[in-house]
Amino acid sequence: MNIILINPNTTKTMTASMYESVLPFLSKGVNLKALTAPFGVPSIEGYYDEAFAIQPIIEVIIPIADEIDGVVIGCFDDTGVQALRTILDVPVVGICQAAMQAASVVSNQFSVITTLHRSVPAIQKLAAEYGFRDICKRVRASEVPVLDLENNEKHALNLIEKEVDNALKQDLAEAIVLGCAGMSKLSHLLTKKYNVPIIDGVGAAVKLVEGLATLGIKTSSRGGYSRPQHKRYSGTLKKYSPKAFK
């Protein structure tokens, strides 16, 4: 089984961190390949960054579409998930949806700890879209820039722990979802410290894709995920014309 973990930003150290965090939990026979966006933004912090992060992952995935059994999008905005589902038969899972789904199984209510405040509205919208509005008690910003998770780890951890404390005391959260792919390496450390489920979406998404692929469950091609209609895009978007992918 071949699963792709794609980082929609261009920071290779973050890709490596995600890969290393989930590698010990892969089932026998599962080959996980971690890829980094070949161009684009160094981090995704808000709607503007996200708008420029979808094209690179499409460009990476399309040439290998026939060789893979599933895709994990390593960004908590679930960047490009919906678009990829319209052009791939295999399961495509974002780490936000996977993490919230896992939290809903092991707790009655949870809080999300993300990076910057500007990321909060997007995550709140995803929680509602995925059906978790009532049990996602709060999305908290640690005010840690994404790249500081790699470059200033000790300070970042202190700020994240502060918000975990607040979530447990003020939100009465029974589980914590780490709201950034760059936090994946912290889940086991924090779970041990707080003795509550601290859920990393990267691991949750990889295992969900693995399970769906094992069961032979593919993405529906009806309705919203039906294949894009043939049309010709213009200018710099010409190479992304749906006809070019057929």
C-alpha atoms as a PDB file:
ATOM      1  CA  MET A   1       0.000   0.000   0.000  1.00  0.00           C
ATOM      2  CA  ASN A   2       1.399   3.377  -1.046  1.00  0.00           C
ATOM      3  CA  ILE A   3       0.244   6.470   0.837  1.00  0.00           C
ATOM      4  CA  ILE A   4       1.367  10.006   0.062  1.00  0.00           C
ATOM      5  CA  LEU A   5       1.754  12.570   2.836  1.00  0.00           C
ATOM      6  CA  ILE A   6       1.924  15.947   1.131  1.00  0.00           C
ATOM      7  CA  ASN A   7       2.969  19.144   2.865  1.00  0.00           C
ATOM      8  CA  PRO A   8       1.282  22.040   1.002  1.00  0.00           C
ATOM      9  CA  ASN A   9       3.958  24.479   2.133  1.00  0.00           C
ATOM     10  CA  THR A  10       7.593  24.518   1.030  1.00  0.00           C
ATOM     11  CA  THR A  11       9.246  23.969   4.435  1.00  0.00           C
ATOM     12  CA  LYS A  12      11.016  20.629   4.123  1.00  0.00           C
ATOM     13  CA  THR A  13      11.903  20.387   7.813  1.00  0.00           C
ATOM     14  CA  MET A  14       8.190  20.379   8.634  1.00  0.00           C
ATOM     15  CA  THR A  15       7.620  17.591   6.127  1.00  0.00           C
ATOM     16  CA  ALA A  16      10.378  15.569   7.770  1.00  0.00           C
ATOM     17  CA  SER A  17       8.931  16.208  11.223  1.00  0.00           C
ATOM     18  CA  MET A  18       5.488  14.967  10.168  1.00  0.00           C
ATOM     19  CA  TYR A  19       6.967  11.877   8.547  1.00  0.00           C
ATOM     20  CA  GLU A  20       9.087  10.983  11.560  1.00  0.00           C
ATOM     21  CA  SER A  21       6.173  11.440  13.967  1.00  0.00           C
ATOM     22  CA  VAL A  22       3.947   8.923  12.193  1.00  0.00           C
ATOM     23  CA  LEU A  23       6.514   6.433  10.910  1.00  0.00           C
ATOM     24  CA  PRO A  24       6.505   4.220  14.058  1.00  0.00           C
ATOM     25  CA  PHE A  25       2.758   3.626  13.716  1.00  0.00           C
ATOM     26  CA  LEU A  26       2.592   2.414  10.121  1.00  0.00           C
ATOM     27  CA  SER A  27       1.225  -1.063   9.578  1.00  0.00           C
ATOM     28  CA  LYS A  28       3.343  -3.713   7.929  1.00  0.00           C
ATOM     29  CA  GLY A  29       3.282  -3.378   4.163  1.00  0.00           C
ATOM     30  CA  VAL A  30       2.407   0.326   4.179  1.00  0.00           C
ATOM     31  CA  ASN A  31       4.816   2.575   2.317  1.00  0.00           C
ATOM     32  CA  LEU A  32       4.453   6.217   3.327  1.00  0.00           C
ATOM     33  CA  LYS A  33       6.126   8.776   1.096  1.00  0.00           C
ATOM     34  CA  ALA A  34       6.359  12.359   2.349  1.00  0.00           C
ATOM     35  CA  LEU A  35       6.436  15.111  -0.257  1.00  0.00           C
ATOM     36  CA  THR A  36       6.847  18.867  -0.006  1.00  0.00           C
ATOM     37  CA  ALA A  37       5.220  21.461  -2.254  1.00  0.00           C
ATOM     38  CA  PRO A  38       7.807  22.243  -4.960  1.00  0.00           C
ATOM     39  CA  PHE A  39       6.896  25.927  -4.964  1.00  0.00           C
ATOM     40  CA  GLY A  40       4.563  28.285  -3.156  1.00  0.00           C
ATOM     41  CA  VAL A  41       4.379  29.497   0.436  1.00  0.00           C
ATOM     42  CA  PRO A  42       6.727  28.626   3.341  1.00  0.00           C
ATOM     43  CA  SER A  43       3.797  28.384   5.754  1.00  0.00           C
ATOM     44  CA  ILE A  44       0.009  28.575   5.518  1.00  0.00           C
ATOM     45  CA  GLU A  45      -1.352  31.136   7.944  1.00  0.00           C
ATOM     46  CA  GLY A  46      -4.694  32.372   6.730  1.00  0.00           C
ATOM     47  CA  TYR A  47      -6.880  32.415   3.653  1.00  0.00           C
ATOM     48  CA  TYR A  48      -4.441  34.310   1.426  1.00  0.00           C
ATOM     49  CA  ASP A  49      -1.618  31.809   1.897  1.00  0.00           C
ATOM     50  CA  GLU A  50      -4.016  28.928   1.339  1.00  0.00           C
ATOM     51  CA  ALA A  51      -5.123  30.319  -2.018  1.00  0.00           C
ATOM     52  CA  PHE A  52      -1.604  29.811  -3.383  1.00  0.00           C
ATOM     53  CA  ALA A  53      -0.993  26.380  -1.849  1.00  0.00           C
ATOM     54  CA  ILE A  54      -3.455  24.252  -3.809  1.00  0.00           C
ATOM     55  CA  GLN A  55      -1.867  24.383  -7.262  1.00  0.00           C
ATOM     56  CA  PRO A  56       1.495  22.973  -6.089  1.00  0.00           C
ATOM     57  CA  ILE A  57      -0.064  19.890  -4.502  1.00  0.00           C
ATOM     58  CA  ILE A  58      -2.157  19.195  -7.597  1.00  0.00           C
ATOM     59  CA  GLU A  59       0.998  19.435  -9.678  1.00  0.00           C
ATOM     60  CA  VAL A  60       2.776  16.933  -7.412  1.00  0.00           C
ATOM     61  CA  ILE A  61      -0.040  14.398  -7.106  1.00  0.00           C
ATOM     62  CA  ILE A  62      -1.344  14.148 -10.674  1.00  0.00           C
ATOM     63  CA  PRO A  63       1.729  12.443 -12.220  1.00  0.00           C
ATOM     64  CA  ILE A  64       1.681   9.684  -9.575  1.00  0.00           C
ATOM     65  CA  ALA A  65      -2.093   9.273  -9.259  1.00  0.00           C
ATOM     66  CA  ASP A  66      -2.069   5.738 -10.683  1.00  0.00           C
ATOM     67  CA  GLU A  67       0.633   4.584  -8.264  1.00  0.00           C
ATOM     68  CA  ILE A  68      -0.946   5.517  -4.927  1.00  0.00           C
ATOM     69  CA  ASP A  69      -3.621   4.160  -2.598  1.00  0.00           C
ATOM     70  CA  GLY A  70      -4.357   7.294  -0.600  1.00  0.00           C
ATOM     71  CA  VAL A  71      -3.346  10.870   0.156  1.00  0.00           C
ATOM     72  CA  VAL A  72      -2.962  12.777   3.417  1.00  0.00           C
ATOM     73  CA  ILE A  73      -2.907  16.573   3.290  1.00  0.00           C
ATOM     74  CA  GLY A  74      -0.519  17.795   5.986  1.00  0.00           C
ATOM     75  CA  CYS A  75      -2.115  21.142   6.759  1.00  0.00           C
ATOM     76  CA  PHE A  76      -4.803  21.802   9.357  1.00  0.00           C
ATOM     77  CA  ASP A  77      -6.757  23.968   6.911  1.00  0.00           C
ATOM     78  CA  ASP A  78      -7.251  20.748   4.904  1.00  0.00           C
ATOM     79  CA  THR A  79      -5.858  22.683   1.973  1.00  0.00           C
ATOM     80  CA  GLY A  80      -6.851  21.264  -1.395  1.00  0.00           C
ATOM     81  CA  VAL A  81      -8.671  18.227   0.009  1.00  0.00           C
ATOM     82  CA  GLN A  82     -11.922  18.922  -1.813  1.00  0.00           C
ATOM     83  CA  ALA A  83     -10.174  19.641  -5.123  1.00  0.00           C
ATOM     84  CA  LEU A  84      -8.095  16.456  -4.980  1.00  0.00           C
ATOM     85  CA  ARG A  85     -11.172  14.363  -4.229  1.00  0.00           C
ATOM     86  CA  THR A  86     -12.630  15.415  -7.579  1.00  0.00           C
ATOM     87  CA  ILE A  87      -9.634  14.132  -9.552  1.00  0.00           C
ATOM     88  CA  LEU A  88      -8.603  11.045  -7.550  1.00  0.00           C
ATOM     89  CA  ASP A  89     -10.385   7.762  -6.868  1.00  0.00           C
ATOM     90  CA  VAL A  90      -8.341   6.993  -3.749  1.00  0.00           C
ATOM     91  CA  PRO A  91      -9.177   8.369  -0.280  1.00  0.00           C
ATOM     92  CA  VAL A  92      -7.942  11.912   0.353  1.00  0.00           C
ATOM     93  CA  VAL A  93      -7.965  12.945   4.019  1.00  0.00           C
ATOM     94  CA  GLY A  94      -7.046  16.223   5.676  1.00  0.00           C
ATOM     95  CA  ILE A  95      -5.519  16.255   9.128  1.00  0.00           C
ATOM     96  CA  CYS A  96      -8.203  18.547  10.567  1.00  0.00           C
ATOM     97  CA  GLN A  97     -11.081  16.242   9.679  1.00  0.00           C
ATOM     98  CA  ALA A  98      -9.175  13.161  10.838  1.00  0.00           C
ATOM     99  CA  ALA A  99      -8.162  14.717  14.160  1.00  0.00           C
ATOM    100  CA  MET A 100     -11.658  15.965  14.963  1.00  0.00           C
ATOM    101  CA  GLN A 101     -13.138  12.608  14.034  1.00  0.00           C
ATOM    102  CA  ALA A 102     -10.708  10.863  16.372  1.00  0.00           C
ATOM    103  CA  ALA A 103     -11.437  13.340  19.171  1.00  0.00           C
ATOM    104  CA  SER A 104     -15.172  12.753  18.777  1.00  0.00           C
ATOM    105  CA  VAL A 105     -14.632   9.034  19.348  1.00  0.00           C
ATOM    106  CA  VAL A 106     -12.508   9.297  22.491  1.00  0.00           C
ATOM    107  CA  SER A 107     -14.178  12.299  24.154  1.00  0.00           C
ATOM    108  CA  ASN A 108     -17.490  14.087  24.559  1.00  0.00           C
ATOM    109  CA  GLN A 109     -15.976  17.482  23.845  1.00  0.00           C
ATOM    110  CA  PHE A 110     -12.627  18.832  22.754  1.00  0.00           C
ATOM    111  CA  SER A 111     -10.718  22.039  22.122  1.00  0.00           C
ATOM    112  CA  VAL A 112      -8.281  22.832  19.327  1.00  0.00           C
ATOM    113  CA  ILE A 113      -4.933  24.515  19.949  1.00  0.00           C
ATOM    114  CA  THR A 114      -3.703  26.215  16.793  1.00  0.00           C
ATOM    115  CA  THR A 115      -1.019  28.737  15.885  1.00  0.00           C
ATOM    116  CA  LEU A 116      -2.169  32.302  15.210  1.00  0.00           C
ATOM    117  CA  HIS A 117      -5.511  33.960  15.882  1.00  0.00           C
ATOM    118  CA  ARG A 118      -6.022  34.541  12.160  1.00  0.00           C
ATOM    119  CA  SER A 119      -6.291  30.760  11.736  1.00  0.00           C
ATOM    120  CA  VAL A 120      -9.162  30.427  14.215  1.00  0.00           C
ATOM    121  CA  PRO A 121     -12.103  31.351  11.917  1.00  0.00           C
ATOM    122  CA  ALA A 122     -11.069  28.856   9.229  1.00  0.00           C
ATOM    123  CA  ILE A 123     -10.852  26.035  11.769  1.00  0.00           C
ATOM    124  CA  GLN A 124     -14.197  26.996  13.294  1.00  0.00           C
ATOM    125  CA  LYS A 125     -15.752  26.793   9.837  1.00  0.00           C
ATOM    126  CA  LEU A 126     -14.226  23.371   9.256  1.00  0.00           C
ATOM    127  CA  ALA A 127     -15.530  22.127  12.611  1.00  0.00           C
ATOM    128  CA  ALA A 128     -19.027  23.184  11.573  1.00  0.00           C
ATOM    129  CA  GLU A 129     -18.665  21.722   8.082  1.00  0.00           C
ATOM    130  CA  TYR A 130     -17.520  18.375   9.480  1.00  0.00           C
ATOM    131  CA  GLY A 131     -20.384  18.226  11.990  1.00  0.00           C
ATOM    132  CA  PHE A 132     -18.391  18.958  15.154  1.00  0.00           C
ATOM    133  CA  ARG A 133     -19.693  22.443  15.970  1.00  0.00           C
ATOM    134  CA  ASP A 134     -21.364  21.329  19.211  1.00  0.00           C
ATOM    135  CA  ILE A 135     -18.501  19.288  20.643  1.00  0.00           C
ATOM    136  CA  CYS A 136     -15.622  21.499  19.515  1.00  0.00           C
ATOM    137  CA  LYS A 137     -15.829  23.780  22.526  1.00  0.00           C
ATOM    138  CA  ARG A 138     -13.235  26.300  21.429  1.00  0.00           C
ATOM    139  CA  VAL A 139     -10.428  26.930  18.966  1.00  0.00           C
ATOM    140  CA  ARG A 140      -7.553  28.535  20.844  1.00  0.00           C
ATOM    141  CA  ALA A 141      -4.607  30.411  19.350  1.00  0.00           C
ATOM    142  CA  SER A 142      -1.237  29.904  21.008  1.00  0.00           C
ATOM    143  CA  GLU A 143       0.110  32.859  18.987  1.00  0.00           C
ATOM    144  CA  VAL A 144       2.995  30.726  17.769  1.00  0.00           C
ATOM    145  CA  PRO A 145       3.873  31.403  14.115  1.00  0.00           C
ATOM    146  CA  VAL A 146       4.042  28.172  12.146  1.00  0.00           C
ATOM    147  CA  LEU A 147       7.750  28.461  11.393  1.00  0.00           C
ATOM    148  CA  ASP A 148       8.533  28.973  15.091  1.00  0.00           C
ATOM    149  CA  LEU A 149       7.438  25.386  15.654  1.00  0.00           C
ATOM    150  CA  GLU A 150      10.634  24.467  13.821  1.00  0.00           C
ATOM    151  CA  ASN A 151      12.909  27.380  14.719  1.00  0.00           C
ATOM    152  CA  ASN A 152      11.979  28.225  18.325  1.00  0.00           C
ATOM    153  CA  GLU A 153      10.673  24.951  19.722  1.00  0.00           C
ATOM    154  CA  LYS A 154      11.057  25.564  23.461  1.00  0.00           C
ATOM    155  CA  HIS A 155       9.227  28.889  23.399  1.00  0.00           C
ATOM    156  CA  ALA A 156       6.534  27.424  21.159  1.00  0.00           C
ATOM    157  CA  LEU A 157       5.997  24.488  23.511  1.00  0.00           C
ATOM    158  CA  ASN A 158       5.583  26.809  26.498  1.00  0.00           C
ATOM    159  CA  LEU A 159       2.882  28.814  24.722  1.00  0.00           C
ATOM    160  CA  ILE A 160       1.078  25.686  23.543  1.00  0.00           C
ATOM    161  CA  GLU A 161       1.130  24.196  27.046  1.00  0.00           C
ATOM    162  CA  LYS A 162      -0.403  27.395  28.403  1.00  0.00           C
ATOM    163  CA  GLU A 163      -3.354  27.006  26.047  1.00  0.00           C
ATOM    164  CA  VAL A 164      -3.710  23.308  26.848  1.00  0.00           C
ATOM    165  CA  ASP A 165      -3.982  24.275  30.529  1.00  0.00           C
ATOM    166  CA  ASN A 166      -6.621  26.884  29.689  1.00  0.00           C
ATOM    167  CA  ALA A 167      -8.593  24.460  27.523  1.00  0.00           C
ATOM    168  CA  LEU A 168      -8.729  21.820  30.239  1.00  0.00           C
ATOM    169  CA  LYS A 169      -9.675  24.280  32.993  1.00  0.00           C
ATOM    170  CA  GLN A 170     -11.870  26.795  31.188  1.00  0.00           C
ATOM    171  CA  ASP A 171     -13.375  24.812  28.305  1.00  0.00           C
ATOM    172  CA  LEU A 172     -13.637  21.571  30.304  1.00  0.00           C
ATOM    173  CA  ALA A 173     -12.166  19.860  27.272  1.00  0.00           C
ATOM    174  CA  GLU A 174     -11.824  16.093  27.531  1.00  0.00           C
ATOM    175  CA  ALA A 175      -9.371  15.921  24.637  1.00  0.00           C
ATOM    176  CA  ILE A 176      -7.102  18.346  22.824  1.00  0.00           C
ATOM    177  CA  VAL A 177      -6.602  18.522  19.076  1.00  0.00           C
ATOM    178  CA  LEU A 178      -3.299  19.976  17.900  1.00  0.00           C
ATOM    179  CA  GLY A 179      -4.300  22.414  15.184  1.00  0.00           C
ATOM    180  CA  CYS A 180      -1.180  22.501  13.038  1.00  0.00           C
ATOM    181  CA  ALA A 181       0.823  19.861  11.202  1.00  0.00           C
ATOM    182  CA  GLY A 182       3.982  21.329  12.699  1.00  0.00           C
ATOM    183  CA  MET A 183       2.781  20.275  16.163  1.00  0.00           C
ATOM    184  CA  SER A 184       2.666  16.575  15.276  1.00  0.00           C
ATOM    185  CA  LYS A 185       5.817  15.721  17.219  1.00  0.00           C
ATOM    186  CA  LEU A 186       4.291  17.103  20.443  1.00  0.00           C
ATOM    187  CA  SER A 187       1.281  14.809  20.809  1.00  0.00           C
ATOM    188  CA  HIS A 188       2.877  11.992  22.790  1.00  0.00           C
ATOM    189  CA  LEU A 189       4.862  14.345  25.018  1.00  0.00           C
ATOM    190  CA  LEU A 190       1.735  16.333  25.890  1.00  0.00           C
ATOM    191  CA  THR A 191      -0.463  13.253  26.305  1.00  0.00           C
ATOM    192  CA  LYS A 192       1.973  11.900  28.864  1.00  0.00           C
ATOM    193  CA  LYS A 193       2.114  15.216  30.719  1.00  0.00           C
ATOM    194  CA  TYR A 194      -1.639  15.892  30.880  1.00  0.00           C
ATOM    195  CA  ASN A 195      -3.012  12.336  30.873  1.00  0.00           C
ATOM    196  CA  VAL A 196      -5.723  13.218  28.356  1.00  0.00           C
ATOM    197  CA  PRO A 197      -5.862  12.451  24.627  1.00  0.00           C
ATOM    198  CA  ILE A 198      -3.726  14.991  22.757  1.00  0.00           C
ATOM    199  CA  ILE A 199      -4.485  14.224  19.137  1.00  0.00           C
ATOM    200  CA  ASP A 200      -2.152  14.776  16.220  1.00  0.00           C
ATOM    201  CA  GLY A 201      -4.028  14.972  12.946  1.00  0.00           C
ATOM    202  CA  VAL A 202      -1.146  13.655  10.863  1.00  0.00           C
ATOM    203  CA  GLY A 203      -1.142  10.279  12.568  1.00  0.00           C
ATOM    204  CA  ALA A 204      -4.939  10.167  12.660  1.00  0.00           C
ATOM    205  CA  ALA A 205      -5.176  10.935   8.941  1.00  0.00           C
ATOM    206  CA  VAL A 206      -2.552   8.393   7.897  1.00  0.00           C
ATOM    207  CA  LYS A 207      -4.270   5.632   9.864  1.00  0.00           C
ATOM    208  CA  LEU A 208      -7.680   6.644   8.489  1.00  0.00           C
ATOM    209  CA  VAL A 209      -6.412   6.512   4.909  1.00  0.00           C
ATOM    210  CA  GLU A 210      -4.749   3.192   5.648  1.00  0.00           C
ATOM    211  CA  GLY A 211      -8.026   1.786   6.963  1.00  0.00           C
ATOM    212  CA  LEU A 212     -10.134   3.074   4.073  1.00  0.00           C
ATOM    213  CA  ALA A 213      -7.669   1.729   1.522  1.00  0.00           C
ATOM    214  CA  THR A 214      -7.551  -1.655   3.260  1.00  0.00           C
ATOM    215  CA  LEU A 215     -11.341  -1.846   3.089  1.00  0.00           C
ATOM    216  CA  GLY A 216     -11.281  -0.896  -0.589  1.00  0.00           C
ATOM    217  CA  ILE A 217     -13.315   2.264   0.008  1.00  0.00           C
ATOM    218  CA  LYS A 218     -12.784   4.848  -2.697  1.00  0.00           C
ATOM    219  CA  THR A 219     -13.927   8.433  -3.132  1.00  0.00           C
ATOM    220  CA  SER A 220     -17.365   8.753  -4.685  1.00  0.00           C
ATOM    221  CA  SER A 221     -17.435  10.223  -8.174  1.00  0.00           C
ATOM    222  CA  ARG A 222     -21.075  11.304  -7.919  1.00  0.00           C
ATOM    223  CA  GLY A 223     -22.350  14.774  -7.126  1.00  0.00           C
ATOM    224  CA  GLY A 224     -19.846  17.155  -5.601  1.00  0.00           C
ATOM    225  CA  TYR A 225     -16.855  14.897  -6.209  1.00  0.00           C
ATOM    226  CA  SER A 226     -17.691  14.132  -9.830  1.00  0.00           C
ATOM    227  CA  ARG A 227     -14.843  14.742 -12.239  1.00  0.00           C
ATOM    228  CA  PRO A 228     -14.290  18.341 -13.402  1.00  0.00           C
ATOM    229  CA  GLN A 229     -15.890  19.189 -16.725  1.00  0.00           C
ATOM    230  CA  HIS A 230     -13.537  19.602 -19.642  1.00  0.00           C
ATOM    231  CA  LYS A 231     -12.706  23.221 -20.250  1.00  0.00           C
ATOM    232  CA  ARG A 232      -9.659  25.212 -21.203  1.00  0.00           C
ATOM    233  CA  TYR A 233      -8.092  27.496 -18.623  1.00  0.00           C
ATOM    234  CA  SER A 234      -6.023  30.440 -19.818  1.00  0.00           C
ATOM    235  CA  GLY A 235      -2.749  32.121 -18.983  1.00  0.00           C
ATOM    236  CA  THR A 236      -0.612  30.626 -16.224  1.00  0.00           C
ATOM    237  CA  LEU A 237      -3.477  28.284 -15.270  1.00  0.00           C
ATOM    238  CA  LYS A 238      -3.619  26.633 -18.693  1.00  0.00           C
ATOM    239  CA  LYS A 239      -1.703  23.540 -17.562  1.00  0.00           C
ATOM    240  CA  TYR A 240      -4.301  22.919 -14.842  1.00  0.00           C
ATOM    241  CA  SER A 241      -7.163  22.612 -17.326  1.00  0.00           C
ATOM    242  CA  PRO A 242      -9.244  19.545 -16.367  1.00  0.00           C
ATOM    243  CA  LYS A 243      -8.798  18.131 -19.868  1.00  0.00           C
ATOM    244  CA  ALA A 244      -5.054  17.932 -19.245  1.00  0.00           C
ATOM    245  CA  PHE A 245      -5.593  15.472 -16.381  1.00  0.00           C
ATOM    246  CA  LYS A 246      -7.703  12.983 -18.341  1.00  0.00           C
END
